[in-house]
């Protein structure tokens, strides 16, 4: 069972997740937030199991906090001998068995930490991302600017990581507040623009099982 110490491990880093997957981190973020099945994989001959686990846990930190730790959905590592689909809806898991990559019906999003490639299941709808691409790109560019800023970098890796976690936390808070109608904006025009760019994503969030406890 996943415990809080694993999530708090200093080897777990959103910054490294972003460095590995680049702008695709927003696709991972949206998949975790909308409770799609997210599978991380790697080449075990070149990538350590500990690194695979750290990437799985970093994906959790994209949305938690503000969402509670998603313990029931998270499986940091399944050994090579494991060869059956994960039966938990909306799971976030790590595997080294290459068979999983060939079984598209077993996952919605496949993230290869060895190559940095993210694959979407061709049979699964990702239309909730369509409207929000511009919004996500702006967020990603701000995140990268923060990582590369002299102030954050001069403060050390730990401060940089804390800043990045806070950045994603604020994004999730804003989206959840938009779902409930509690989000605040500097003007009516700003509010209309943000809601317009997130129409499908907000519709998706309202339909997830978690929406009842927001």
N, C-alpha and C. Protein backbone atom coordinates (compact mmCIF):
# COMPACT_ATOMS: atom_id res chain seq x y z
N UNK A 1 0.83 -1.19 0.00
CA UNK A 1 0.00 0.00 0.00
C UNK A 1 0.88 1.25 0.00
N UNK A 2 0.51 2.23 -0.82
CA UNK A 2 1.24 3.48 -0.89
C UNK A 2 1.13 4.23 0.42
N UNK A 3 2.24 4.81 0.89
CA UNK A 3 2.19 5.59 2.12
C UNK A 3 2.69 7.01 1.86
N UNK A 4 2.42 7.90 2.82
CA UNK A 4 2.75 9.31 2.66
C UNK A 4 4.25 9.54 2.54
N UNK A 5 5.06 8.69 3.17
CA UNK A 5 6.51 8.84 3.10
C UNK A 5 7.01 8.67 1.67
N UNK A 6 6.37 7.75 0.93
CA UNK A 6 6.77 7.54 -0.46
C UNK A 6 6.50 8.78 -1.30
N UNK A 7 5.35 9.40 -1.08
CA UNK A 7 5.00 10.62 -1.82
C UNK A 7 5.97 11.74 -1.46
N UNK A 8 6.40 11.78 -0.19
CA UNK A 8 7.28 12.85 0.28
C UNK A 8 8.75 12.61 0.01
N UNK A 9 9.11 11.47 -0.57
CA UNK A 9 10.50 11.15 -0.87
C UNK A 9 11.12 12.25 -1.73
N UNK A 10 12.31 12.71 -1.35
CA UNK A 10 12.92 13.82 -2.10
C UNK A 10 13.39 13.41 -3.50
N UNK A 11 13.33 12.12 -3.83
CA UNK A 11 13.66 11.68 -5.18
C UNK A 11 12.48 11.85 -6.13
N UNK A 12 11.29 12.11 -5.55
CA UNK A 12 10.09 12.32 -6.34
C UNK A 12 10.05 13.77 -6.77
N UNK A 13 10.07 14.02 -8.08
CA UNK A 13 10.23 15.39 -8.57
C UNK A 13 9.38 15.69 -9.80
N UNK A 14 8.52 16.68 -9.67
CA UNK A 14 7.76 17.15 -10.83
C UNK A 14 8.70 17.80 -11.85
N UNK A 15 9.73 18.47 -11.35
CA UNK A 15 10.68 19.12 -12.26
C UNK A 15 11.32 18.08 -13.19
N UNK A 16 11.74 16.94 -12.63
CA UNK A 16 12.33 15.89 -13.47
C UNK A 16 11.30 15.29 -14.42
N UNK A 17 10.06 15.19 -13.95
CA UNK A 17 8.99 14.69 -14.82
C UNK A 17 8.82 15.63 -16.02
N UNK A 18 8.86 16.93 -15.76
CA UNK A 18 8.73 17.91 -16.83
C UNK A 18 9.94 17.88 -17.76
N UNK A 19 11.11 17.73 -17.19
CA UNK A 19 12.32 17.67 -18.01
C UNK A 19 12.30 16.45 -18.93
N UNK A 20 11.72 15.36 -18.47
CA UNK A 20 11.69 14.15 -19.29
C UNK A 20 10.62 14.22 -20.39
N UNK A 21 9.46 14.76 -20.05
CA UNK A 21 8.34 14.73 -21.00
C UNK A 21 8.01 16.07 -21.65
N UNK A 22 8.65 17.14 -21.19
CA UNK A 22 8.41 18.44 -21.80
C UNK A 22 6.95 18.86 -21.72
N UNK A 23 6.46 19.44 -22.80
CA UNK A 23 5.08 19.94 -22.85
C UNK A 23 4.05 18.82 -22.67
N UNK A 24 4.47 17.59 -22.94
CA UNK A 24 3.55 16.45 -22.77
C UNK A 24 3.14 16.25 -21.32
N UNK A 25 3.81 16.92 -20.40
CA UNK A 25 3.42 16.81 -18.99
C UNK A 25 1.99 17.29 -18.79
N UNK A 26 1.52 18.18 -19.66
CA UNK A 26 0.15 18.67 -19.53
C UNK A 26 -0.85 17.59 -19.94
N UNK A 27 -0.47 16.75 -20.88
CA UNK A 27 -1.32 15.61 -21.24
C UNK A 27 -1.40 14.64 -20.08
N UNK A 28 -0.26 14.41 -19.42
CA UNK A 28 -0.23 13.54 -18.24
C UNK A 28 -1.08 14.15 -17.13
N UNK A 29 -0.92 15.44 -16.91
CA UNK A 29 -1.71 16.14 -15.88
C UNK A 29 -3.20 15.96 -16.13
N UNK A 30 -3.63 16.22 -17.34
CA UNK A 30 -5.06 16.12 -17.65
C UNK A 30 -5.58 14.69 -17.50
N UNK A 31 -4.75 13.72 -17.86
CA UNK A 31 -5.17 12.33 -17.75
C UNK A 31 -5.34 11.93 -16.28
N UNK A 32 -4.41 12.35 -15.43
CA UNK A 32 -4.52 12.04 -13.99
C UNK A 32 -5.73 12.75 -13.40
N UNK A 33 -5.92 14.02 -13.76
CA UNK A 33 -7.03 14.80 -13.21
C UNK A 33 -8.38 14.23 -13.63
N UNK A 34 -8.48 13.76 -14.86
CA UNK A 34 -9.75 13.23 -15.36
C UNK A 34 -9.91 11.73 -15.11
N UNK A 35 -8.99 11.16 -14.33
CA UNK A 35 -9.05 9.77 -13.89
C UNK A 35 -8.98 8.77 -15.05
N UNK A 36 -8.11 9.06 -16.01
CA UNK A 36 -7.81 8.07 -17.04
C UNK A 36 -6.77 7.10 -16.50
N UNK A 37 -6.61 5.98 -17.19
CA UNK A 37 -5.63 4.97 -16.79
C UNK A 37 -4.26 5.38 -17.34
N UNK A 38 -3.35 5.74 -16.43
CA UNK A 38 -2.04 6.25 -16.83
C UNK A 38 -0.97 5.22 -16.47
N UNK A 39 -0.26 4.77 -17.48
CA UNK A 39 0.75 3.72 -17.28
C UNK A 39 2.13 4.25 -17.64
N UNK A 40 3.05 4.16 -16.69
CA UNK A 40 4.45 4.52 -16.94
C UNK A 40 5.24 3.23 -17.17
N UNK A 41 6.10 3.28 -18.17
CA UNK A 41 6.90 2.11 -18.48
C UNK A 41 8.34 2.53 -18.77
N UNK A 42 9.24 1.57 -18.84
CA UNK A 42 10.64 1.88 -19.12
C UNK A 42 11.36 0.63 -19.61
N UNK A 43 12.55 0.85 -20.12
CA UNK A 43 13.43 -0.25 -20.49
C UNK A 43 14.22 -0.62 -19.23
N UNK A 44 13.94 -1.78 -18.63
CA UNK A 44 14.60 -2.13 -17.36
C UNK A 44 16.11 -2.34 -17.49
N UNK A 45 16.60 -2.48 -18.72
CA UNK A 45 18.03 -2.68 -18.89
C UNK A 45 18.80 -1.37 -18.79
N UNK A 46 18.09 -0.24 -18.94
CA UNK A 46 18.76 1.07 -18.88
C UNK A 46 18.18 2.00 -17.83
N UNK A 47 17.04 1.65 -17.28
CA UNK A 47 16.37 2.53 -16.32
C UNK A 47 16.09 1.78 -15.02
N UNK A 48 16.50 2.36 -13.91
CA UNK A 48 16.32 1.71 -12.61
C UNK A 48 14.85 1.71 -12.20
N UNK A 49 14.48 0.67 -11.47
CA UNK A 49 13.11 0.57 -10.97
C UNK A 49 12.76 1.76 -10.09
N UNK A 50 13.72 2.22 -9.29
CA UNK A 50 13.48 3.37 -8.40
C UNK A 50 13.10 4.61 -9.19
N UNK A 51 13.70 4.77 -10.36
CA UNK A 51 13.38 5.94 -11.19
C UNK A 51 11.96 5.82 -11.74
N UNK A 52 11.58 4.63 -12.14
CA UNK A 52 10.22 4.40 -12.62
C UNK A 52 9.21 4.76 -11.53
N UNK A 53 9.45 4.29 -10.32
CA UNK A 53 8.56 4.59 -9.19
C UNK A 53 8.47 6.08 -8.93
N UNK A 54 9.59 6.77 -9.03
CA UNK A 54 9.60 8.20 -8.73
C UNK A 54 8.78 8.98 -9.75
N UNK A 55 8.76 8.53 -10.99
CA UNK A 55 7.96 9.21 -12.01
C UNK A 55 6.47 8.98 -11.78
N UNK A 56 6.11 7.78 -11.38
CA UNK A 56 4.70 7.49 -11.06
C UNK A 56 4.24 8.39 -9.92
N UNK A 57 5.04 8.50 -8.87
CA UNK A 57 4.67 9.31 -7.71
C UNK A 57 4.67 10.80 -8.05
N UNK A 58 5.55 11.22 -8.95
CA UNK A 58 5.56 12.62 -9.38
C UNK A 58 4.27 12.96 -10.10
N UNK A 59 3.72 12.01 -10.85
CA UNK A 59 2.44 12.24 -11.54
C UNK A 59 1.32 12.48 -10.53
N UNK A 60 1.39 11.80 -9.39
CA UNK A 60 0.41 12.02 -8.33
C UNK A 60 0.49 13.44 -7.81
N UNK A 61 1.72 13.95 -7.65
CA UNK A 61 1.92 15.29 -7.11
C UNK A 61 1.44 16.39 -8.04
N UNK A 62 1.16 16.06 -9.29
CA UNK A 62 0.61 17.07 -10.20
C UNK A 62 -0.75 17.57 -9.73
N UNK A 63 -1.50 16.70 -9.03
CA UNK A 63 -2.86 17.08 -8.59
C UNK A 63 -3.07 16.96 -7.08
N UNK A 64 -2.10 16.41 -6.37
CA UNK A 64 -2.27 16.17 -4.94
C UNK A 64 -1.09 16.71 -4.15
N UNK A 65 -1.27 17.83 -3.40
CA UNK A 65 -2.52 18.57 -3.21
C UNK A 65 -2.87 19.40 -4.43
N UNK A 66 -4.14 19.86 -4.48
CA UNK A 66 -5.16 19.93 -3.43
C UNK A 66 -6.01 18.67 -3.28
N UNK A 67 -6.02 17.78 -4.26
CA UNK A 67 -6.80 16.55 -4.09
C UNK A 67 -6.10 15.65 -3.08
N UNK A 68 -6.86 14.84 -2.35
CA UNK A 68 -6.25 13.91 -1.40
C UNK A 68 -5.31 12.96 -2.13
N UNK A 69 -4.34 12.41 -1.41
CA UNK A 69 -3.43 11.43 -2.01
C UNK A 69 -4.26 10.29 -2.60
N UNK A 70 -3.98 9.97 -3.84
CA UNK A 70 -4.81 9.03 -4.59
C UNK A 70 -4.36 7.59 -4.36
N UNK A 71 -4.29 7.19 -3.10
CA UNK A 71 -3.68 5.90 -2.75
C UNK A 71 -4.32 4.71 -3.44
N UNK A 72 -5.62 4.72 -3.55
CA UNK A 72 -6.30 3.56 -4.13
C UNK A 72 -6.01 3.41 -5.61
N UNK A 73 -5.52 4.48 -6.25
CA UNK A 73 -5.29 4.47 -7.70
C UNK A 73 -3.82 4.29 -8.07
N UNK A 74 -2.92 4.32 -7.10
CA UNK A 74 -1.49 4.41 -7.40
C UNK A 74 -0.76 3.10 -7.11
N UNK A 75 -0.01 2.64 -8.11
CA UNK A 75 0.79 1.41 -8.00
C UNK A 75 2.16 1.72 -8.60
N UNK A 76 3.12 2.17 -7.77
CA UNK A 76 4.41 2.64 -8.30
C UNK A 76 5.18 1.63 -9.12
N UNK A 77 5.00 0.33 -8.82
CA UNK A 77 5.80 -0.65 -9.57
C UNK A 77 5.17 -2.04 -9.57
N UNK A 78 5.02 -2.58 -10.78
CA UNK A 78 4.67 -3.98 -10.94
C UNK A 78 5.88 -4.69 -11.55
N UNK A 79 6.32 -5.81 -10.99
CA UNK A 79 7.52 -6.49 -11.48
C UNK A 79 7.35 -7.05 -12.89
N UNK A 80 8.46 -7.43 -13.48
CA UNK A 80 8.48 -7.92 -14.86
C UNK A 80 7.55 -9.12 -15.04
N UNK A 81 7.42 -9.92 -14.00
CA UNK A 81 6.60 -11.13 -14.10
C UNK A 81 5.11 -10.83 -14.12
N UNK A 82 4.74 -9.60 -13.78
CA UNK A 82 3.31 -9.24 -13.74
C UNK A 82 2.81 -9.08 -15.18
N UNK A 83 1.76 -9.81 -15.54
CA UNK A 83 1.31 -9.79 -16.93
C UNK A 83 -0.22 -9.85 -17.04
N UNK A 84 -0.88 -9.01 -16.26
CA UNK A 84 -2.33 -8.92 -16.36
C UNK A 84 -2.75 -7.46 -16.19
N UNK A 85 -3.90 -7.08 -16.73
CA UNK A 85 -4.31 -5.67 -16.65
C UNK A 85 -4.60 -5.23 -15.22
N UNK A 86 -4.32 -3.96 -14.96
CA UNK A 86 -4.64 -3.38 -13.64
C UNK A 86 -6.15 -3.15 -13.61
N UNK A 87 -6.80 -3.66 -12.58
CA UNK A 87 -8.26 -3.65 -12.53
C UNK A 87 -8.86 -2.44 -11.82
N UNK A 88 -8.02 -1.49 -11.42
CA UNK A 88 -8.51 -0.31 -10.70
C UNK A 88 -8.80 0.83 -11.70
N UNK A 89 -10.01 1.37 -11.72
CA UNK A 89 -10.33 2.47 -12.64
C UNK A 89 -9.43 3.68 -12.36
N UNK A 90 -8.98 4.34 -13.41
CA UNK A 90 -8.19 5.56 -13.24
C UNK A 90 -6.86 5.34 -12.57
N UNK A 91 -6.26 4.17 -12.74
CA UNK A 91 -5.01 3.88 -12.06
C UNK A 91 -3.85 4.72 -12.58
N UNK A 92 -2.81 4.85 -11.75
CA UNK A 92 -1.52 5.45 -12.14
C UNK A 92 -0.49 4.41 -11.72
N UNK A 93 0.18 3.80 -12.69
CA UNK A 93 1.02 2.64 -12.36
C UNK A 93 2.32 2.65 -13.15
N UNK A 94 3.28 1.86 -12.65
CA UNK A 94 4.57 1.69 -13.32
C UNK A 94 4.81 0.22 -13.60
N UNK A 95 5.26 -0.10 -14.81
CA UNK A 95 5.55 -1.48 -15.19
C UNK A 95 6.85 -1.53 -16.00
N UNK A 96 7.49 -2.69 -15.98
CA UNK A 96 8.68 -2.89 -16.80
C UNK A 96 8.44 -3.95 -17.88
N UNK A 97 7.32 -4.65 -17.80
CA UNK A 97 7.02 -5.69 -18.78
C UNK A 97 6.62 -5.03 -20.10
N UNK A 98 7.39 -5.22 -21.17
CA UNK A 98 7.10 -4.58 -22.46
C UNK A 98 5.78 -5.01 -23.07
N UNK A 99 5.21 -6.10 -22.60
CA UNK A 99 3.93 -6.58 -23.12
C UNK A 99 2.83 -5.54 -22.92
N UNK A 100 2.94 -4.75 -21.85
CA UNK A 100 1.90 -3.76 -21.56
C UNK A 100 1.77 -2.73 -22.68
N UNK A 101 2.89 -2.33 -23.27
CA UNK A 101 2.85 -1.33 -24.33
C UNK A 101 2.06 -1.84 -25.55
N UNK A 102 2.07 -3.15 -25.74
CA UNK A 102 1.37 -3.75 -26.88
C UNK A 102 -0.11 -3.95 -26.60
N UNK A 103 -0.51 -3.90 -25.33
CA UNK A 103 -1.90 -4.13 -24.94
C UNK A 103 -2.61 -2.79 -24.73
N UNK A 104 -2.93 -2.12 -25.83
CA UNK A 104 -3.51 -0.78 -25.74
C UNK A 104 -4.81 -0.75 -24.95
N UNK A 105 -5.52 -1.87 -24.95
CA UNK A 105 -6.79 -1.93 -24.23
C UNK A 105 -6.60 -1.89 -22.71
N UNK A 106 -5.36 -2.03 -22.25
CA UNK A 106 -5.08 -2.04 -20.82
C UNK A 106 -4.79 -0.65 -20.26
N UNK A 107 -4.61 0.37 -21.12
CA UNK A 107 -4.27 1.71 -20.64
C UNK A 107 -4.89 2.78 -21.53
N UNK A 108 -4.98 3.98 -20.98
CA UNK A 108 -5.46 5.13 -21.75
C UNK A 108 -4.30 6.01 -22.21
N UNK A 109 -3.29 6.14 -21.33
CA UNK A 109 -2.11 6.94 -21.65
C UNK A 109 -0.87 6.15 -21.25
N UNK A 110 0.08 6.01 -22.18
CA UNK A 110 1.31 5.27 -21.92
C UNK A 110 2.49 6.23 -21.97
N UNK A 111 3.24 6.29 -20.88
CA UNK A 111 4.36 7.22 -20.76
C UNK A 111 5.66 6.44 -20.60
N UNK A 112 6.52 6.51 -21.60
CA UNK A 112 7.78 5.78 -21.57
C UNK A 112 8.87 6.70 -21.03
N UNK A 113 9.35 6.43 -19.83
CA UNK A 113 10.32 7.33 -19.21
C UNK A 113 11.72 7.15 -19.79
N UNK A 114 11.95 6.05 -20.51
CA UNK A 114 13.24 5.85 -21.16
C UNK A 114 13.37 6.72 -22.42
N UNK A 115 12.29 6.80 -23.19
CA UNK A 115 12.32 7.55 -24.45
C UNK A 115 11.69 8.93 -24.35
N UNK A 116 10.88 9.16 -23.32
CA UNK A 116 10.18 10.43 -23.20
C UNK A 116 8.97 10.53 -24.11
N UNK A 117 8.50 9.41 -24.63
CA UNK A 117 7.36 9.38 -25.54
C UNK A 117 6.07 9.12 -24.76
N UNK A 118 5.02 9.88 -25.10
CA UNK A 118 3.70 9.68 -24.50
C UNK A 118 2.74 9.25 -25.61
N UNK A 119 2.07 8.12 -25.38
CA UNK A 119 1.12 7.60 -26.37
C UNK A 119 -0.29 7.59 -25.81
N UNK A 120 -1.24 8.05 -26.64
CA UNK A 120 -2.64 8.02 -26.26
C UNK A 120 -3.30 6.78 -26.87
N UNK A 121 -4.19 6.17 -26.10
CA UNK A 121 -4.97 5.05 -26.62
C UNK A 121 -5.86 5.59 -27.73
N UNK A 122 -5.76 5.01 -28.92
CA UNK A 122 -6.50 5.51 -30.08
C UNK A 122 -8.01 5.34 -29.94
N UNK A 123 -8.43 4.51 -28.99
CA UNK A 123 -9.86 4.27 -28.79
C UNK A 123 -10.46 5.10 -27.67
N UNK A 124 -9.62 5.92 -27.04
CA UNK A 124 -10.08 6.73 -25.90
C UNK A 124 -10.15 8.21 -26.30
N UNK A 125 -11.21 8.87 -25.88
CA UNK A 125 -11.39 10.28 -26.22
C UNK A 125 -10.55 11.17 -25.31
N UNK A 126 -9.83 12.08 -25.91
CA UNK A 126 -9.08 13.10 -25.18
C UNK A 126 -9.59 14.49 -25.57
N UNK A 127 -10.90 14.55 -25.91
CA UNK A 127 -11.47 15.81 -26.39
C UNK A 127 -11.50 16.89 -25.31
N UNK A 128 -11.38 16.49 -24.03
CA UNK A 128 -11.37 17.48 -22.96
C UNK A 128 -10.12 18.36 -23.03
N UNK A 129 -9.10 17.94 -23.81
CA UNK A 129 -7.89 18.73 -23.96
C UNK A 129 -7.99 19.76 -25.08
N UNK A 130 -8.96 19.57 -25.98
CA UNK A 130 -9.01 20.38 -27.20
C UNK A 130 -9.10 21.87 -26.90
N UNK A 131 -10.07 22.27 -26.07
CA UNK A 131 -10.27 23.68 -25.77
C UNK A 131 -9.12 24.26 -24.95
N UNK A 132 -8.53 23.44 -24.09
CA UNK A 132 -7.58 23.95 -23.09
C UNK A 132 -6.13 23.96 -23.55
N UNK A 133 -5.86 23.65 -24.81
CA UNK A 133 -4.47 23.59 -25.27
C UNK A 133 -3.74 24.92 -25.09
N UNK A 134 -4.41 26.01 -25.45
CA UNK A 134 -3.78 27.32 -25.31
C UNK A 134 -3.54 27.65 -23.84
N UNK A 135 -4.53 27.34 -23.02
CA UNK A 135 -4.44 27.58 -21.58
C UNK A 135 -3.29 26.76 -20.98
N UNK A 136 -3.20 25.50 -21.39
CA UNK A 136 -2.14 24.62 -20.88
C UNK A 136 -0.77 25.06 -21.36
N UNK A 137 -0.70 25.52 -22.60
CA UNK A 137 0.58 25.98 -23.13
C UNK A 137 1.08 27.20 -22.36
N UNK A 138 0.17 28.12 -22.05
CA UNK A 138 0.54 29.30 -21.25
C UNK A 138 1.05 28.86 -19.88
N UNK A 139 0.36 27.90 -19.27
CA UNK A 139 0.77 27.39 -17.96
C UNK A 139 2.15 26.75 -18.05
N UNK A 140 2.36 25.92 -19.07
CA UNK A 140 3.64 25.23 -19.24
C UNK A 140 4.77 26.22 -19.44
N UNK A 141 4.53 27.24 -20.24
CA UNK A 141 5.57 28.24 -20.49
C UNK A 141 5.93 29.00 -19.22
N UNK A 142 4.92 29.28 -18.39
CA UNK A 142 5.18 29.94 -17.10
C UNK A 142 5.99 29.01 -16.19
N UNK A 143 5.65 27.72 -16.23
CA UNK A 143 6.37 26.74 -15.41
C UNK A 143 7.83 26.66 -15.82
N UNK A 144 8.08 26.61 -17.12
CA UNK A 144 9.46 26.53 -17.61
C UNK A 144 10.22 27.82 -17.29
N UNK A 145 9.54 28.94 -17.40
CA UNK A 145 10.19 30.21 -17.06
C UNK A 145 10.58 30.22 -15.59
N UNK A 146 9.71 29.65 -14.75
CA UNK A 146 10.01 29.59 -13.32
C UNK A 146 11.21 28.70 -13.03
N UNK A 147 11.26 27.54 -13.70
CA UNK A 147 12.38 26.61 -13.50
C UNK A 147 13.71 27.26 -13.90
N UNK A 148 13.67 28.04 -14.96
CA UNK A 148 14.90 28.63 -15.49
C UNK A 148 15.21 30.02 -14.93
N UNK A 149 14.33 30.53 -14.08
CA UNK A 149 14.58 31.87 -13.53
C UNK A 149 15.78 31.85 -12.59
N UNK A 150 16.54 32.91 -12.59
CA UNK A 150 17.74 33.00 -11.76
C UNK A 150 17.39 32.91 -10.27
N UNK A 151 16.26 33.50 -9.90
CA UNK A 151 15.88 33.53 -8.49
C UNK A 151 15.60 32.12 -7.98
N UNK A 152 14.79 31.37 -8.74
CA UNK A 152 14.43 30.01 -8.31
C UNK A 152 15.65 29.10 -8.36
N UNK A 153 16.42 29.16 -9.44
CA UNK A 153 17.57 28.27 -9.59
C UNK A 153 18.65 28.56 -8.55
N UNK A 154 18.82 29.83 -8.24
CA UNK A 154 19.85 30.20 -7.26
C UNK A 154 19.48 29.71 -5.86
N UNK A 155 18.19 29.45 -5.64
CA UNK A 155 17.73 29.02 -4.32
C UNK A 155 17.94 27.53 -4.09
N UNK A 156 18.28 26.80 -5.15
CA UNK A 156 18.56 25.38 -5.00
C UNK A 156 17.45 24.49 -5.55
N UNK A 157 17.80 23.22 -5.77
CA UNK A 157 16.88 22.26 -6.38
C UNK A 157 15.62 22.07 -5.55
N UNK A 158 15.75 22.05 -4.22
CA UNK A 158 14.60 21.82 -3.36
C UNK A 158 13.58 22.94 -3.50
N UNK A 159 14.04 24.18 -3.51
CA UNK A 159 13.14 25.33 -3.65
C UNK A 159 12.48 25.32 -5.03
N UNK A 160 13.24 24.95 -6.05
CA UNK A 160 12.71 24.86 -7.41
C UNK A 160 11.57 23.84 -7.47
N UNK A 161 11.77 22.70 -6.82
CA UNK A 161 10.74 21.66 -6.79
C UNK A 161 9.51 22.12 -6.02
N UNK A 162 9.71 22.79 -4.89
CA UNK A 162 8.58 23.29 -4.12
C UNK A 162 7.79 24.32 -4.92
N UNK A 163 8.50 25.16 -5.65
CA UNK A 163 7.83 26.16 -6.49
C UNK A 163 6.97 25.48 -7.55
N UNK A 164 7.51 24.43 -8.17
CA UNK A 164 6.78 23.73 -9.23
C UNK A 164 5.54 23.03 -8.67
N UNK A 165 5.67 22.41 -7.51
CA UNK A 165 4.51 21.76 -6.90
C UNK A 165 3.43 22.79 -6.59
N UNK A 166 3.83 23.94 -6.11
CA UNK A 166 2.89 25.01 -5.80
C UNK A 166 2.20 25.50 -7.07
N UNK A 167 2.95 25.57 -8.17
CA UNK A 167 2.42 26.03 -9.45
C UNK A 167 1.30 25.09 -9.93
N UNK A 168 1.52 23.79 -9.85
CA UNK A 168 0.50 22.83 -10.26
C UNK A 168 -0.66 22.80 -9.28
N UNK A 169 -0.37 22.98 -8.01
CA UNK A 169 -1.42 23.03 -6.99
C UNK A 169 -2.38 24.18 -7.28
N UNK A 170 -1.84 25.34 -7.64
CA UNK A 170 -2.66 26.50 -7.95
C UNK A 170 -3.53 26.25 -9.18
N UNK A 171 -2.97 25.56 -10.18
CA UNK A 171 -3.75 25.24 -11.37
C UNK A 171 -4.93 24.34 -11.03
N UNK A 172 -4.67 23.30 -10.24
CA UNK A 172 -5.75 22.38 -9.88
C UNK A 172 -6.79 23.07 -9.03
N UNK A 173 -6.35 23.90 -8.09
CA UNK A 173 -7.30 24.68 -7.28
C UNK A 173 -8.20 25.52 -8.16
N UNK A 174 -7.59 26.19 -9.13
CA UNK A 174 -8.38 27.07 -10.00
C UNK A 174 -9.42 26.28 -10.79
N UNK A 175 -9.02 25.14 -11.34
CA UNK A 175 -9.95 24.33 -12.12
C UNK A 175 -11.09 23.79 -11.25
N UNK A 176 -10.76 23.33 -10.05
CA UNK A 176 -11.80 22.82 -9.16
C UNK A 176 -12.73 23.94 -8.70
N UNK A 177 -12.18 25.12 -8.47
CA UNK A 177 -13.01 26.27 -8.11
C UNK A 177 -13.91 26.68 -9.27
N UNK A 178 -13.42 26.51 -10.48
CA UNK A 178 -14.25 26.80 -11.65
C UNK A 178 -15.41 25.81 -11.76
N UNK A 179 -15.17 24.57 -11.38
CA UNK A 179 -16.23 23.56 -11.40
C UNK A 179 -17.35 23.94 -10.43
N UNK A 180 -16.95 24.43 -9.26
CA UNK A 180 -17.95 24.78 -8.24
C UNK A 180 -18.47 26.21 -8.38
N UNK A 181 -17.84 27.00 -9.27
CA UNK A 181 -18.27 28.38 -9.45
C UNK A 181 -17.65 29.34 -8.47
N UNK A 182 -16.63 28.89 -7.74
CA UNK A 182 -16.00 29.73 -6.71
C UNK A 182 -14.75 30.46 -7.20
N UNK A 183 -14.35 30.23 -8.46
CA UNK A 183 -13.12 30.86 -8.97
C UNK A 183 -13.29 32.37 -9.09
N UNK A 184 -12.23 33.10 -8.74
CA UNK A 184 -12.24 34.55 -8.82
C UNK A 184 -11.31 35.02 -9.93
N UNK A 185 -11.74 36.06 -10.65
CA UNK A 185 -10.97 36.60 -11.76
C UNK A 185 -10.93 38.12 -11.67
N UNK A 186 -9.89 38.74 -12.23
CA UNK A 186 -9.75 40.20 -12.13
C UNK A 186 -10.83 40.96 -12.90
N UNK A 187 -11.45 40.31 -13.88
CA UNK A 187 -12.47 41.00 -14.67
C UNK A 187 -13.42 39.99 -15.29
N UNK A 188 -14.55 40.47 -15.77
CA UNK A 188 -15.52 39.60 -16.43
C UNK A 188 -14.95 39.04 -17.73
N UNK A 189 -14.15 39.84 -18.42
CA UNK A 189 -13.54 39.38 -19.66
C UNK A 189 -12.53 38.25 -19.40
N UNK A 190 -11.75 38.39 -18.32
CA UNK A 190 -10.79 37.36 -17.97
C UNK A 190 -11.51 36.06 -17.61
N UNK A 191 -12.60 36.19 -16.88
CA UNK A 191 -13.40 35.02 -16.50
C UNK A 191 -13.95 34.32 -17.74
N UNK A 192 -14.52 35.09 -18.65
CA UNK A 192 -15.10 34.51 -19.86
C UNK A 192 -14.03 33.80 -20.69
N UNK A 193 -12.85 34.41 -20.79
CA UNK A 193 -11.76 33.81 -21.58
C UNK A 193 -11.32 32.48 -21.00
N UNK A 194 -11.11 32.43 -19.69
CA UNK A 194 -10.63 31.20 -19.06
C UNK A 194 -11.68 30.10 -19.13
N UNK A 195 -12.94 30.45 -18.85
CA UNK A 195 -13.99 29.44 -18.93
C UNK A 195 -14.14 28.92 -20.36
N UNK A 196 -14.01 29.81 -21.34
CA UNK A 196 -14.14 29.41 -22.74
C UNK A 196 -13.03 28.44 -23.13
N UNK A 197 -11.82 28.65 -22.62
CA UNK A 197 -10.69 27.79 -22.96
C UNK A 197 -10.73 26.45 -22.23
N UNK A 198 -11.62 26.32 -21.26
CA UNK A 198 -11.65 25.08 -20.45
C UNK A 198 -13.02 24.40 -20.46
N UNK A 199 -13.86 24.73 -21.43
CA UNK A 199 -15.22 24.20 -21.44
C UNK A 199 -15.28 22.68 -21.33
N UNK A 200 -14.57 22.01 -22.22
CA UNK A 200 -14.65 20.54 -22.26
C UNK A 200 -13.97 19.91 -21.05
N UNK A 201 -12.88 20.51 -20.60
CA UNK A 201 -12.20 19.98 -19.42
C UNK A 201 -13.10 20.09 -18.19
N UNK A 202 -13.77 21.21 -18.03
CA UNK A 202 -14.66 21.39 -16.88
C UNK A 202 -15.84 20.42 -16.96
N UNK A 203 -16.34 20.19 -18.16
CA UNK A 203 -17.43 19.23 -18.34
C UNK A 203 -16.96 17.84 -17.93
N UNK A 204 -15.72 17.51 -18.31
CA UNK A 204 -15.17 16.21 -17.94
C UNK A 204 -15.00 16.08 -16.43
N UNK A 205 -14.52 17.14 -15.78
CA UNK A 205 -14.32 17.11 -14.33
C UNK A 205 -15.64 16.95 -13.59
N UNK A 206 -16.67 17.59 -14.09
CA UNK A 206 -17.99 17.48 -13.44
C UNK A 206 -18.54 16.07 -13.52
N UNK A 207 -18.10 15.32 -14.53
CA UNK A 207 -18.64 13.97 -14.72
C UNK A 207 -17.81 12.88 -14.06
N UNK A 208 -16.66 13.23 -13.49
CA UNK A 208 -15.83 12.22 -12.82
C UNK A 208 -16.42 11.88 -11.46
N UNK A 209 -16.20 10.67 -10.96
CA UNK A 209 -16.71 10.29 -9.64
C UNK A 209 -16.27 11.24 -8.54
N UNK A 210 -15.09 11.82 -8.69
CA UNK A 210 -14.55 12.70 -7.66
C UNK A 210 -15.35 14.00 -7.54
N UNK A 211 -16.08 14.38 -8.61
CA UNK A 211 -16.77 15.67 -8.62
C UNK A 211 -17.78 15.79 -7.49
N UNK A 212 -18.28 14.65 -7.00
CA UNK A 212 -19.28 14.69 -5.93
C UNK A 212 -18.69 15.12 -4.60
N UNK A 213 -17.34 15.06 -4.48
CA UNK A 213 -16.73 15.43 -3.20
C UNK A 213 -15.90 16.68 -3.30
N UNK A 214 -15.99 17.39 -4.44
CA UNK A 214 -15.26 18.65 -4.57
C UNK A 214 -15.89 19.70 -3.69
